[in-house]
Amino acid sequence: MILEKLKAADKVTIELDGTEFYGAAFLEEAFGGLIRNKKMTRAEFDKKIALLCEDQEILDEIKEYIDIAEKLYKD
């Protein structure tokens, strides 16, 4: 769904507030999966996706999944 939104806009803002819990598998697949499945590079992610969340731990967890995917799945 994120990729579909990016086709229609240069930048997508994803607001993560308002949900009580995000499972690790969801966060890894939704965000790390973009890098792991070579749908975009880290630089493209940083340029095209803005994450809004009051809980810094969630943002840190997402960053960790992206970092891991970037390291493990580089060309």
Protein backbone atom coordinates (compact mmCIF):
# COMPACT_ATOMS: atom_id res chain seq x y z
CA MET A 1 0.00 0.00 0.00
CA ILE A 2 2.87 2.39 0.71
CA LEU A 3 4.24 1.86 -2.79
CA GLU A 4 0.83 2.56 -4.30
CA LYS A 5 0.66 5.86 -2.43
CA LEU A 6 4.17 6.78 -3.60
CA LYS A 7 3.13 6.33 -7.22
CA ALA A 8 0.56 9.09 -6.73
CA ALA A 9 2.74 11.45 -4.63
CA ASP A 10 6.36 12.49 -4.30
CA LYS A 11 6.28 12.07 -0.53
CA VAL A 12 4.06 10.07 1.80
CA THR A 13 3.52 10.85 5.47
CA ILE A 14 2.65 7.88 7.65
CA GLU A 15 1.17 8.69 11.04
CA LEU A 16 1.69 5.89 13.54
CA ASP A 17 -0.05 7.46 16.54
CA GLY A 18 -3.45 6.27 17.69
CA THR A 19 -2.71 2.56 17.73
CA GLU A 20 -2.00 0.85 21.01
CA PHE A 21 0.51 -1.68 19.68
CA TYR A 22 2.52 -2.51 16.58
CA GLY A 23 3.93 -5.99 16.28
CA ALA A 24 7.58 -6.37 15.36
CA ALA A 25 6.68 -8.52 12.34
CA PHE A 26 4.39 -5.81 10.99
CA LEU A 27 6.95 -3.03 11.41
CA GLU A 28 9.74 -5.11 9.90
CA GLU A 29 7.68 -6.17 6.90
CA ALA A 30 6.08 -2.78 6.30
CA PHE A 31 9.29 -0.76 6.49
CA GLY A 32 12.32 -3.07 6.43
CA GLY A 33 10.58 -5.05 3.70
CA LEU A 34 10.71 -2.06 1.36
CA ILE A 35 14.50 -2.20 1.53
CA ARG A 36 14.84 -5.98 1.79
CA ASN A 37 12.65 -6.57 -1.26
CA LYS A 38 14.52 -3.88 -3.19
CA LYS A 39 11.42 -1.73 -3.66
CA MET A 40 13.48 1.32 -2.70
CA THR A 41 16.87 2.27 -1.32
CA ARG A 42 17.45 3.77 2.10
CA ALA A 43 18.07 7.15 0.51
CA GLU A 44 14.76 6.93 -1.37
CA PHE A 45 12.99 5.89 1.83
CA ASP A 46 14.41 8.87 3.71
CA LYS A 47 13.45 11.23 0.88
CA LYS A 48 9.97 9.90 0.13
CA ILE A 49 8.56 8.70 3.45
CA ALA A 50 7.97 10.78 6.57
CA LEU A 51 7.09 8.87 9.74
CA LEU A 52 5.12 10.66 12.43
CA CYS A 53 4.94 9.09 15.85
CA GLU A 54 5.06 10.46 19.38
CA ASP A 55 6.61 7.20 20.61
CA GLN A 56 10.30 7.46 19.81
CA GLU A 57 10.77 3.75 20.55
CA ILE A 58 8.59 2.84 17.57
CA LEU A 59 10.57 5.14 15.30
CA ASP A 60 13.82 3.67 16.62
CA GLU A 61 12.54 0.14 16.02
CA ILE A 62 11.60 0.99 12.43
CA LYS A 63 15.02 2.58 11.87
CA GLU A 64 16.66 -0.59 13.19
CA TYR A 65 14.69 -2.79 10.76
CA ILE A 66 15.64 -0.53 7.88
CA ASP A 67 19.32 -0.52 8.95
CA ILE A 68 19.36 -4.32 9.16
CA ALA A 69 17.69 -4.73 5.78
CA GLU A 70 20.09 -2.26 4.22
CA LYS A 71 23.13 -4.13 5.56
CA LEU A 72 21.91 -7.65 4.83
CA TYR A 73 20.32 -7.13 1.45
CA LYS A 74 22.68 -4.80 -0.35
CA ASP A 75 23.31 -5.86 -3.93
